[in-house]
PDB file of N, CA and C in Angstrom:
ATOM      1  N   MET A   1     -11.183  17.629   9.753  1.00  0.00           N
ATOM      2  CA  MET A   1     -10.092  16.769   9.328  1.00  0.00           C
ATOM      3  C   MET A   1      -9.042  16.734  10.436  1.00  0.00           C
ATOM      4  N   SER A   2      -8.513  15.557  10.678  1.00  0.00           N
ATOM      5  CA  SER A   2      -7.506  15.422  11.728  1.00  0.00           C
ATOM      6  C   SER A   2      -6.141  15.870  11.217  1.00  0.00           C
ATOM      7  N   GLU A   3      -5.250  16.061  12.134  1.00  0.00           N
ATOM      8  CA  GLU A   3      -3.885  16.460  11.818  1.00  0.00           C
ATOM      9  C   GLU A   3      -2.964  15.309  12.183  1.00  0.00           C
ATOM     10  N   PHE A   4      -1.788  15.279  11.570  1.00  0.00           N
ATOM     11  CA  PHE A   4      -0.793  14.302  11.994  1.00  0.00           C
ATOM     12  C   PHE A   4      -0.121  14.802  13.267  1.00  0.00           C
ATOM     13  N   LYS A   5       0.546  13.886  13.969  1.00  0.00           N
ATOM     14  CA  LYS A   5       1.248  14.224  15.199  1.00  0.00           C
ATOM     15  C   LYS A   5       2.729  13.916  15.022  1.00  0.00           C
ATOM     16  N   ARG A   6       3.582  14.744  15.571  1.00  0.00           N
ATOM     17  CA  ARG A   6       5.033  14.502  15.563  1.00  0.00           C
ATOM     18  C   ARG A   6       5.376  13.742  16.831  1.00  0.00           C
ATOM     19  N   ILE A   7       6.120  12.640  16.686  1.00  0.00           N
ATOM     20  CA  ILE A   7       6.432  11.812  17.842  1.00  0.00           C
ATOM     21  C   ILE A   7       7.911  11.426  17.867  1.00  0.00           C
ATOM     22  N   PRO A   8       8.465  11.198  19.060  1.00  0.00           N
ATOM     23  CA  PRO A   8       9.851  10.742  19.189  1.00  0.00           C
ATOM     24  C   PRO A   8       9.928   9.236  18.926  1.00  0.00           C
ATOM     25  N   PRO A   9      11.132   8.710  18.735  1.00  0.00           N
ATOM     26  CA  PRO A   9      11.292   7.274  18.470  1.00  0.00           C
ATOM     27  C   PRO A   9      10.656   6.378  19.537  1.00  0.00           C
ATOM     28  N   GLU A  10      10.731   6.766  20.793  1.00  0.00           N
ATOM     29  CA  GLU A  10      10.172   5.928  21.854  1.00  0.00           C
ATOM     30  C   GLU A  10       8.661   5.740  21.681  1.00  0.00           C
ATOM     31  N   GLN A  11       7.972   6.796  21.297  1.00  0.00           N
ATOM     32  CA  GLN A  11       6.529   6.683  21.083  1.00  0.00           C
ATOM     33  C   GLN A  11       6.242   5.885  19.811  1.00  0.00           C
ATOM     34  N   ALA A  12       7.075   6.063  18.784  1.00  0.00           N
ATOM     35  CA  ALA A  12       6.911   5.281  17.557  1.00  0.00           C
ATOM     36  C   ALA A  12       7.097   3.795  17.843  1.00  0.00           C
ATOM     37  N   GLN A  13       8.067   3.469  18.688  1.00  0.00           N
ATOM     38  CA  GLN A  13       8.300   2.072  19.055  1.00  0.00           C
ATOM     39  C   GLN A  13       7.084   1.505  19.777  1.00  0.00           C
ATOM     40  N   ALA A  14       6.493   2.272  20.678  1.00  0.00           N
ATOM     41  CA  ALA A  14       5.291   1.815  21.385  1.00  0.00           C
ATOM     42  C   ALA A  14       4.156   1.564  20.391  1.00  0.00           C
ATOM     43  N   LEU A  15       4.015   2.429  19.399  1.00  0.00           N
ATOM     44  CA  LEU A  15       2.983   2.232  18.378  1.00  0.00           C
ATOM     45  C   LEU A  15       3.265   0.991  17.537  1.00  0.00           C
ATOM     46  N   ARG A  16       4.539   0.762  17.207  1.00  0.00           N
ATOM     47  CA  ARG A  16       4.906  -0.455  16.462  1.00  0.00           C
ATOM     48  C   ARG A  16       4.484  -1.696  17.234  1.00  0.00           C
ATOM     49  N   GLU A  17       4.681  -1.661  18.537  1.00  0.00           N
ATOM     50  CA  GLU A  17       4.316  -2.804  19.370  1.00  0.00           C
ATOM     51  C   GLU A  17       2.806  -3.018  19.413  1.00  0.00           C
ATOM     52  N   GLN A  18       2.048  -1.996  19.013  1.00  0.00           N
ATOM     53  CA  GLN A  18       0.585  -2.095  18.944  1.00  0.00           C
ATOM     54  C   GLN A  18       0.132  -2.249  17.491  1.00  0.00           C
ATOM     55  N   SER A  19       1.032  -2.715  16.623  1.00  0.00           N
ATOM     56  CA  SER A  19       0.737  -3.030  15.219  1.00  0.00           C
ATOM     57  C   SER A  19       0.554  -1.821  14.311  1.00  0.00           C
ATOM     58  N   ALA A  20       1.151  -0.693  14.646  1.00  0.00           N
ATOM     59  CA  ALA A  20       1.109   0.450  13.727  1.00  0.00           C
ATOM     60  C   ALA A  20       1.878   0.094  12.458  1.00  0.00           C
ATOM     61  N   VAL A  21       1.453   0.663  11.340  1.00  0.00           N
ATOM     62  CA  VAL A  21       2.150   0.502  10.076  1.00  0.00           C
ATOM     63  C   VAL A  21       3.221   1.587  10.004  1.00  0.00           C
ATOM     64  N   VAL A  22       4.456   1.201   9.656  1.00  0.00           N
ATOM     65  CA  VAL A  22       5.551   2.154   9.512  1.00  0.00           C
ATOM     66  C   VAL A  22       5.908   2.225   8.038  1.00  0.00           C
ATOM     67  N   VAL A  23       5.864   3.448   7.471  1.00  0.00           N
ATOM     68  CA  VAL A  23       6.240   3.635   6.067  1.00  0.00           C
ATOM     69  C   VAL A  23       7.460   4.542   6.002  1.00  0.00           C
ATOM     70  N   ASP A  24       8.412   4.143   5.173  1.00  0.00           N
ATOM     71  CA  ASP A  24       9.676   4.844   5.011  1.00  0.00           C
ATOM     72  C   ASP A  24       9.666   5.495   3.635  1.00  0.00           C
ATOM     73  N   ILE A  25       9.818   6.821   3.594  1.00  0.00           N
ATOM     74  CA  ILE A  25       9.742   7.542   2.318  1.00  0.00           C
ATOM     75  C   ILE A  25      11.102   7.932   1.773  1.00  0.00           C
ATOM     76  N   ARG A  26      12.176   7.423   2.372  1.00  0.00           N
ATOM     77  CA  ARG A  26      13.507   7.702   1.830  1.00  0.00           C
ATOM     78  C   ARG A  26      13.655   6.980   0.490  1.00  0.00           C
ATOM     79  N   ASP A  27      14.709   7.305  -0.253  1.00  0.00           N
ATOM     80  CA  ASP A  27      14.877   6.652  -1.552  1.00  0.00           C
ATOM     81  C   ASP A  27      15.113   5.152  -1.356  1.00  0.00           C
ATOM     82  N   LEU A  28      14.762   4.375  -2.374  1.00  0.00           N
ATOM     83  CA  LEU A  28      14.776   2.918  -2.282  1.00  0.00           C
ATOM     84  C   LEU A  28      16.158   2.361  -1.960  1.00  0.00           C
ATOM     85  N   GLN A  29      17.211   2.935  -2.547  1.00  0.00           N
ATOM     86  CA  GLN A  29      18.561   2.431  -2.287  1.00  0.00           C
ATOM     87  C   GLN A  29      18.943   2.614  -0.815  1.00  0.00           C
ATOM     88  N   THR A  30      18.610   3.749  -0.254  1.00  0.00           N
ATOM     89  CA  THR A  30      18.914   4.015   1.154  1.00  0.00           C
ATOM     90  C   THR A  30      18.082   3.101   2.042  1.00  0.00           C
ATOM     91  N   TYR A  31      16.814   2.944   1.698  1.00  0.00           N
ATOM     92  CA  TYR A  31      15.935   2.041   2.447  1.00  0.00           C
ATOM     93  C   TYR A  31      16.506   0.624   2.453  1.00  0.00           C
ATOM     94  N   ALA A  32      16.975   0.166   1.288  1.00  0.00           N
ATOM     95  CA  ALA A  32      17.510  -1.193   1.185  1.00  0.00           C
ATOM     96  C   ALA A  32      18.740  -1.388   2.072  1.00  0.00           C
ATOM     97  N   LEU A  33      19.538  -0.342   2.239  1.00  0.00           N
ATOM     98  CA  LEU A  33      20.742  -0.447   3.064  1.00  0.00           C
ATOM     99  C   LEU A  33      20.407  -0.615   4.541  1.00  0.00           C
ATOM    100  N   ASN A  34      19.390   0.102   5.020  1.00  0.00           N
ATOM    101  CA  ASN A  34      19.022   0.019   6.427  1.00  0.00           C
ATOM    102  C   ASN A  34      17.698   0.739   6.644  1.00  0.00           C
ATOM    103  N   HIS A  35      16.803   0.100   7.374  1.00  0.00           N
ATOM    104  CA  HIS A  35      15.490   0.687   7.652  1.00  0.00           C
ATOM    105  C   HIS A  35      14.938   0.110   8.947  1.00  0.00           C
ATOM    106  N   ILE A  36      13.848   0.671   9.410  1.00  0.00           N
ATOM    107  CA  ILE A  36      13.192   0.165  10.610  1.00  0.00           C
ATOM    108  C   ILE A  36      12.626  -1.213  10.296  1.00  0.00           C
ATOM    109  N   SER A  37      12.913  -2.175  11.145  1.00  0.00           N
ATOM    110  CA  SER A  37      12.411  -3.535  10.936  1.00  0.00           C
ATOM    111  C   SER A  37      10.895  -3.523  10.773  1.00  0.00           C
ATOM    112  N   GLY A  38      10.428  -4.204   9.733  1.00  0.00           N
ATOM    113  CA  GLY A  38       8.994  -4.309   9.488  1.00  0.00           C
ATOM    114  C   GLY A  38       8.384  -3.144   8.742  1.00  0.00           C
ATOM    115  N   SER A  39       9.184  -2.114   8.425  1.00  0.00           N
ATOM    116  CA  SER A  39       8.625  -0.961   7.706  1.00  0.00           C
ATOM    117  C   SER A  39       8.432  -1.287   6.233  1.00  0.00           C
ATOM    118  N   LYS A  40       7.573  -0.500   5.600  1.00  0.00           N
ATOM    119  CA  LYS A  40       7.317  -0.630   4.173  1.00  0.00           C
ATOM    120  C   LYS A  40       7.905   0.590   3.466  1.00  0.00           C
ATOM    121  N   HIS A  41       8.517   0.354   2.319  1.00  0.00           N
ATOM    122  CA  HIS A  41       9.021   1.481   1.535  1.00  0.00           C
ATOM    123  C   HIS A  41       7.851   2.075   0.767  1.00  0.00           C
ATOM    124  N   LEU A  42       7.748   3.390   0.758  1.00  0.00           N
ATOM    125  CA  LEU A  42       6.658   4.083   0.079  1.00  0.00           C
ATOM    126  C   LEU A  42       7.248   5.204  -0.762  1.00  0.00           C
ATOM    127  N   ASP A  43       6.903   5.216  -2.039  1.00  0.00           N
ATOM    128  CA  ASP A  43       7.349   6.291  -2.925  1.00  0.00           C
ATOM    129  C   ASP A  43       6.216   6.632  -3.886  1.00  0.00           C
ATOM    130  N   ASN A  44       6.478   7.510  -4.829  1.00  0.00           N
ATOM    131  CA  ASN A  44       5.433   7.939  -5.755  1.00  0.00           C
ATOM    132  C   ASN A  44       4.868   6.784  -6.575  1.00  0.00           C
ATOM    133  N   HIS A  45       5.669   5.747  -6.802  1.00  0.00           N
ATOM    134  CA  HIS A  45       5.215   4.607  -7.590  1.00  0.00           C
ATOM    135  C   HIS A  45       4.299   3.677  -6.795  1.00  0.00           C
ATOM    136  N   SER A  46       4.526   3.551  -5.500  1.00  0.00           N
ATOM    137  CA  SER A  46       3.747   2.616  -4.687  1.00  0.00           C
ATOM    138  C   SER A  46       2.639   3.287  -3.880  1.00  0.00           C
ATOM    139  N   LEU A  47       2.601   4.605  -3.891  1.00  0.00           N
ATOM    140  CA  LEU A  47       1.677   5.361  -3.044  1.00  0.00           C
ATOM    141  C   LEU A  47       0.206   5.035  -3.311  1.00  0.00           C
ATOM    142  N   HIS A  48      -0.213   5.071  -4.573  1.00  0.00           N
ATOM    143  CA  HIS A  48      -1.624   4.847  -4.905  1.00  0.00           C
ATOM    144  C   HIS A  48      -2.075   3.462  -4.447  1.00  0.00           C
ATOM    145  N   ASP A  49      -1.281   2.445  -4.735  1.00  0.00           N
ATOM    146  CA  ASP A  49      -1.617   1.082  -4.344  1.00  0.00           C
ATOM    147  C   ASP A  49      -1.667   0.948  -2.824  1.00  0.00           C
ATOM    148  N   PHE A  50      -0.724   1.584  -2.143  1.00  0.00           N
ATOM    149  CA  PHE A  50      -0.702   1.546  -0.678  1.00  0.00           C
ATOM    150  C   PHE A  50      -1.984   2.146  -0.111  1.00  0.00           C
ATOM    151  N   ILE A  51      -2.372   3.317  -0.606  1.00  0.00           N
ATOM    152  CA  ILE A  51      -3.580   3.988  -0.109  1.00  0.00           C
ATOM    153  C   ILE A  51      -4.814   3.136  -0.387  1.00  0.00           C
ATOM    154  N   ALA A  52      -4.877   2.553  -1.577  1.00  0.00           N
ATOM    155  CA  ALA A  52      -6.043   1.756  -1.956  1.00  0.00           C
ATOM    156  C   ALA A  52      -6.229   0.540  -1.054  1.00  0.00           C
ATOM    157  N   LYS A  53      -5.123  -0.036  -0.559  1.00  0.00           N
ATOM    158  CA  LYS A  53      -5.197  -1.268   0.230  1.00  0.00           C
ATOM    159  C   LYS A  53      -5.122  -1.043   1.734  1.00  0.00           C
ATOM    160  N   ALA A  54      -4.825   0.159   2.166  1.00  0.00           N
ATOM    161  CA  ALA A  54      -4.564   0.423   3.583  1.00  0.00           C
ATOM    162  C   ALA A  54      -5.834   0.525   4.412  1.00  0.00           C
ATOM    163  N   ASP A  55      -5.702   0.210   5.681  1.00  0.00           N
ATOM    164  CA  ASP A  55      -6.734   0.471   6.673  1.00  0.00           C
ATOM    165  C   ASP A  55      -6.545   1.926   7.099  1.00  0.00           C
ATOM    166  N   LEU A  56      -7.457   2.793   6.691  1.00  0.00           N
ATOM    167  CA  LEU A  56      -7.305   4.224   6.934  1.00  0.00           C
ATOM    168  C   LEU A  56      -7.368   4.597   8.413  1.00  0.00           C
ATOM    169  N   ASP A  57      -7.859   3.693   9.250  1.00  0.00           N
ATOM    170  CA  ASP A  57      -7.968   3.971  10.680  1.00  0.00           C
ATOM    171  C   ASP A  57      -6.816   3.388  11.497  1.00  0.00           C
ATOM    172  N   ALA A  58      -5.956   2.590  10.863  1.00  0.00           N
ATOM    173  CA  ALA A  58      -4.812   2.011  11.576  1.00  0.00           C
ATOM    174  C   ALA A  58      -3.755   3.081  11.816  1.00  0.00           C
ATOM    175  N   PRO A  59      -3.063   3.033  12.948  1.00  0.00           N
ATOM    176  CA  PRO A  59      -1.979   3.984  13.181  1.00  0.00           C
ATOM    177  C   PRO A  59      -0.901   3.850  12.103  1.00  0.00           C
ATOM    178  N   LEU A  60      -0.413   4.984  11.628  1.00  0.00           N
ATOM    179  CA  LEU A  60       0.561   5.019  10.537  1.00  0.00           C
ATOM    180  C   LEU A  60       1.688   5.963  10.929  1.00  0.00           C
ATOM    181  N   VAL A  61       2.921   5.441  10.939  1.00  0.00           N
ATOM    182  CA  VAL A  61       4.098   6.240  11.281  1.00  0.00           C
ATOM    183  C   VAL A  61       4.905   6.457  10.010  1.00  0.00           C
ATOM    184  N   VAL A  62       5.182   7.733   9.681  1.00  0.00           N
ATOM    185  CA  VAL A  62       5.924   8.088   8.476  1.00  0.00           C
ATOM    186  C   VAL A  62       7.354   8.449   8.864  1.00  0.00           C
ATOM    187  N   VAL A  63       8.323   7.856   8.144  1.00  0.00           N
ATOM    188  CA  VAL A  63       9.738   8.020   8.453  1.00  0.00           C
ATOM    189  C   VAL A  63      10.478   8.549   7.227  1.00  0.00           C
ATOM    190  N   CYS A  64      11.365   9.527   7.448  1.00  0.00           N
ATOM    191  CA  CYS A  64      12.259  10.000   6.391  1.00  0.00           C
ATOM    192  C   CYS A  64      13.677  10.010   6.975  1.00  0.00           C
ATOM    193  N   TYR A  65      14.563  10.812   6.425  1.00  0.00           N
ATOM    194  CA  TYR A  65      15.948  10.859   6.905  1.00  0.00           C
ATOM    195  C   TYR A  65      16.063  11.487   8.293  1.00  0.00           C
ATOM    196  N   HIS A  66      15.553  12.727   8.436  1.00  0.00           N
ATOM    197  CA  HIS A  66      15.749  13.484   9.677  1.00  0.00           C
ATOM    198  C   HIS A  66      14.455  14.020  10.287  1.00  0.00           C
ATOM    199  N   GLY A  67      13.303  13.692   9.715  1.00  0.00           N
ATOM    200  CA  GLY A  67      12.030  14.117  10.297  1.00  0.00           C
ATOM    201  C   GLY A  67      11.406  15.322   9.654  1.00  0.00           C
ATOM    202  N   ASN A  68      11.932  15.794   8.525  1.00  0.00           N
ATOM    203  CA  ASN A  68      11.356  16.956   7.852  1.00  0.00           C
ATOM    204  C   ASN A  68      10.390  16.554   6.741  1.00  0.00           C
ATOM    205  N   SER A  69      10.847  15.769   5.787  1.00  0.00           N
ATOM    206  CA  SER A  69       9.996  15.349   4.668  1.00  0.00           C
ATOM    207  C   SER A  69       8.815  14.516   5.148  1.00  0.00           C
ATOM    208  N   SER A  70       8.998  13.786   6.231  1.00  0.00           N
ATOM    209  CA  SER A  70       7.907  12.949   6.730  1.00  0.00           C
ATOM    210  C   SER A  70       6.714  13.789   7.173  1.00  0.00           C
ATOM    211  N   GLN A  71       6.951  15.031   7.561  1.00  0.00           N
ATOM    212  CA  GLN A  71       5.835  15.890   7.967  1.00  0.00           C
ATOM    213  C   GLN A  71       4.930  16.209   6.772  1.00  0.00           C
ATOM    214  N   SER A  72       5.533  16.507   5.627  1.00  0.00           N
ATOM    215  CA  SER A  72       4.743  16.773   4.421  1.00  0.00           C
ATOM    216  C   SER A  72       4.001  15.519   3.990  1.00  0.00           C
ATOM    217  N   ALA A  73       4.689  14.385   4.033  1.00  0.00           N
ATOM    218  CA  ALA A  73       4.056  13.123   3.638  1.00  0.00           C
ATOM    219  C   ALA A  73       2.919  12.774   4.596  1.00  0.00           C
ATOM    220  N   ALA A  74       3.133  12.992   5.885  1.00  0.00           N
ATOM    221  CA  ALA A  74       2.088  12.708   6.870  1.00  0.00           C
ATOM    222  C   ALA A  74       0.864  13.589   6.626  1.00  0.00           C
ATOM    223  N   ALA A  75       1.083  14.866   6.348  1.00  0.00           N
ATOM    224  CA  ALA A  75      -0.036  15.778   6.056  1.00  0.00           C
ATOM    225  C   ALA A  75      -0.789  15.305   4.815  1.00  0.00           C
ATOM    226  N   TYR A  76      -0.062  14.854   3.802  1.00  0.00           N
ATOM    227  CA  TYR A  76      -0.698  14.344   2.582  1.00  0.00           C
ATOM    228  C   TYR A  76      -1.543  13.107   2.895  1.00  0.00           C
ATOM    229  N   LEU A  77      -1.009  12.188   3.686  1.00  0.00           N
ATOM    230  CA  LEU A  77      -1.756  10.970   4.002  1.00  0.00           C
ATOM    231  C   LEU A  77      -3.011  11.284   4.812  1.00  0.00           C
ATOM    232  N   VAL A  78      -2.937  12.273   5.690  1.00  0.00           N
ATOM    233  CA  VAL A  78      -4.146  12.718   6.396  1.00  0.00           C
ATOM    234  C   VAL A  78      -5.173  13.226   5.377  1.00  0.00           C
ATOM    235  N   SER A  79      -4.707  13.986   4.395  1.00  0.00           N
ATOM    236  CA  SER A  79      -5.629  14.523   3.372  1.00  0.00           C
ATOM    237  C   SER A  79      -6.242  13.420   2.520  1.00  0.00           C
ATOM    238  N   GLN A  80      -5.607  12.244   2.503  1.00  0.00           N
ATOM    239  CA  GLN A  80      -6.126  11.108   1.736  1.00  0.00           C
ATOM    240  C   GLN A  80      -7.040  10.210   2.563  1.00  0.00           C
ATOM    241  N   GLY A  81      -7.311  10.613   3.804  1.00  0.00           N
ATOM    242  CA  GLY A  81      -8.287   9.892   4.613  1.00  0.00           C
ATOM    243  C   GLY A  81      -7.731   9.096   5.785  1.00  0.00           C
ATOM    244  N   PHE A  82      -6.415   9.060   5.945  1.00  0.00           N
ATOM    245  CA  PHE A  82      -5.854   8.370   7.108  1.00  0.00           C
ATOM    246  C   PHE A  82      -6.173   9.188   8.352  1.00  0.00           C
ATOM    247  N   SER A  83      -6.593   8.517   9.422  1.00  0.00           N
ATOM    248  CA  SER A  83      -7.062   9.251  10.597  1.00  0.00           C
ATOM    249  C   SER A  83      -6.079   9.277  11.762  1.00  0.00           C
ATOM    250  N   ASP A  84      -5.050   8.420  11.736  1.00  0.00           N
ATOM    251  CA  ASP A  84      -4.148   8.300  12.885  1.00  0.00           C
ATOM    252  C   ASP A  84      -2.706   8.270  12.372  1.00  0.00           C
ATOM    253  N   VAL A  85      -2.189   9.451  11.993  1.00  0.00           N
ATOM    254  CA  VAL A  85      -0.906   9.549  11.298  1.00  0.00           C
ATOM    255  C   VAL A  85       0.121  10.269  12.173  1.00  0.00           C
ATOM    256  N   TYR A  86       1.351   9.740  12.148  1.00  0.00           N
ATOM    257  CA  TYR A  86       2.449  10.274  12.946  1.00  0.00           C
ATOM    258  C   TYR A  86       3.668  10.491  12.060  1.00  0.00           C
ATOM    259  N   SER A  87       4.414  11.549  12.337  1.00  0.00           N
ATOM    260  CA  SER A  87       5.692  11.814  11.687  1.00  0.00           C
ATOM    261  C   SER A  87       6.781  11.578  12.730  1.00  0.00           C
ATOM    262  N   LEU A  88       7.781  10.762  12.382  1.00  0.00           N
ATOM    263  CA  LEU A  88       8.842  10.431  13.322  1.00  0.00           C
ATOM    264  C   LEU A  88       9.836  11.580  13.428  1.00  0.00           C
ATOM    265  N   ASP A  89       9.840  12.266  14.570  1.00  0.00           N
ATOM    266  CA  ASP A  89      10.815  13.334  14.809  1.00  0.00           C
ATOM    267  C   ASP A  89      12.225  12.743  14.792  1.00  0.00           C
ATOM    268  N   GLY A  90      13.128  13.422  14.116  1.00  0.00           N
ATOM    269  CA  GLY A  90      14.501  12.946  14.035  1.00  0.00           C
ATOM    270  C   GLY A  90      14.723  11.918  12.946  1.00  0.00           C
ATOM    271  N   GLY A  91      13.631  11.416  12.357  1.00  0.00           N
ATOM    272  CA  GLY A  91      13.708  10.488  11.238  1.00  0.00           C
ATOM    273  C   GLY A  91      14.455   9.204  11.549  1.00  0.00           C
ATOM    274  N   PHE A  92      14.848   8.531  10.474  1.00  0.00           N
ATOM    275  CA  PHE A  92      15.544   7.259  10.626  1.00  0.00           C
ATOM    276  C   PHE A  92      16.863   7.423  11.377  1.00  0.00           C
ATOM    277  N   GLU A  93      17.534   8.550  11.195  1.00  0.00           N
ATOM    278  CA  GLU A  93      18.830   8.745  11.852  1.00  0.00           C
ATOM    279  C   GLU A  93      18.694   8.695  13.373  1.00  0.00           C
ATOM    280  N   LEU A  94      17.687   9.360  13.917  1.00  0.00           N
ATOM    281  CA  LEU A  94      17.480   9.320  15.367  1.00  0.00           C
ATOM    282  C   LEU A  94      16.980   7.940  15.789  1.00  0.00           C
ATOM    283  N   TRP A  95      16.129   7.325  14.969  1.00  0.00           N
ATOM    284  CA  TRP A  95      15.654   5.971  15.275  1.00  0.00           C
ATOM    285  C   TRP A  95      16.844   5.021  15.399  1.00  0.00           C
ATOM    286  N   ARG A  96      17.752   5.055  14.411  1.00  0.00           N
ATOM    287  CA  ARG A  96      18.903   4.149  14.399  1.00  0.00           C
ATOM    288  C   ARG A  96      19.778   4.356  15.636  1.00  0.00           C
ATOM    289  N   ALA A  97      19.924   5.609  16.069  1.00  0.00           N
ATOM    290  CA  ALA A  97      20.709   5.891  17.267  1.00  0.00           C
ATOM    291  C   ALA A  97      19.997   5.409  18.529  1.00  0.00           C
ATOM    292  N   THR A  98      18.671   5.445  18.513  1.00  0.00           N
ATOM    293  CA  THR A  98      17.886   5.085  19.690  1.00  0.00           C
ATOM    294  C   THR A  98      17.635   3.580  19.776  1.00  0.00           C
ATOM    295  N   PHE A  99      17.310   2.963  18.635  1.00  0.00           N
ATOM    296  CA  PHE A  99      16.965   1.536  18.587  1.00  0.00           C
ATOM    297  C   PHE A  99      17.782   0.810  17.512  1.00  0.00           C
ATOM    298  N   PRO A 100      19.109   0.743  17.663  1.00  0.00           N
ATOM    299  CA  PRO A 100      19.920   0.107  16.613  1.00  0.00           C
ATOM    300  C   PRO A 100      19.546  -1.353  16.366  1.00  0.00           C
ATOM    301  N   GLN A 101      19.026  -2.031  17.378  1.00  0.00           N
ATOM    302  CA  GLN A 101      18.642  -3.431  17.224  1.00  0.00           C
ATOM    303  C   GLN A 101      17.339  -3.598  16.437  1.00  0.00           C
ATOM    304  N   GLU A 102      16.627  -2.508  16.196  1.00  0.00           N
ATOM    305  CA  GLU A 102      15.339  -2.556  15.499  1.00  0.00           C
ATOM    306  C   GLU A 102      15.474  -2.069  14.059  1.00  0.00           C
ATOM    307  N   THR A 103      16.597  -2.390  13.427  1.00  0.00           N
ATOM    308  CA  THR A 103      16.787  -2.027  12.029  1.00  0.00           C
ATOM    309  C   THR A 103      17.072  -3.291  11.217  1.00  0.00           C
ATOM    310  N   ALA A 104      16.843  -3.201   9.910  1.00  0.00           N
ATOM    311  CA  ALA A 104      17.040  -4.342   9.024  1.00  0.00           C
ATOM    312  C   ALA A 104      17.704  -3.852   7.756  1.00  0.00           C
ATOM    313  N   GLN A 105      18.299  -4.794   7.023  1.00  0.00           N
ATOM    314  CA  GLN A 105      18.978  -4.451   5.773  1.00  0.00           C
ATOM    315  C   GLN A 105      18.493  -5.331   4.633  1.00  0.00           C
ATOM    316  N   ASN A 106      18.594  -4.770   3.426  1.00  0.00           N
ATOM    317  CA  ASN A 106      18.452  -5.521   2.178  1.00  0.00           C
ATOM    318  C   ASN A 106      17.195  -6.353   2.042  1.00  0.00           C
ATOM    319  N   SER A 107      16.073  -5.882   2.558  1.00  0.00           N
ATOM    320  CA  SER A 107      14.846  -6.630   2.331  1.00  0.00           C
ATOM    321  C   SER A 107      13.672  -5.681   2.228  1.00  0.00           C
ATOM    322  N   GLN A 108      12.736  -6.043   1.403  1.00  0.00           N
ATOM    323  CA  GLN A 108      11.486  -5.291   1.283  1.00  0.00           C
ATOM    324  C   GLN A 108      10.503  -5.963   2.235  1.00  0.00           C
ATOM    325  N   GLU A 109      10.483  -5.533   3.465  1.00  0.00           N
ATOM    326  CA  GLU A 109       9.616  -6.176   4.471  1.00  0.00           C
ATOM    327  C   GLU A 109       8.207  -5.678   4.352  1.00  0.00           C
TER     328      GLU A 109
END
């Protein structure tokens, strides 16, 4: 079984440019206020449907607030069959500081 990898925002951005899927596991209200452009919100309610429809071999970047919870979520997604999973070090907070132009508000993208 493969392991997830921890990556900095710059590497996550490069993966986004190669069509990686970005999932944000923060609470829905926080996600709605600001998130990585093009990311999908993922929580316990949407998880099963997401897994059922996902390409398990596509690169997947998991984002939380500061990069801690995303590690657990990334490990779980690997256990569910995803083969190319990344946890964003520093989470959304570091992403926003690094790529402020790559954030969006108030939309379920």
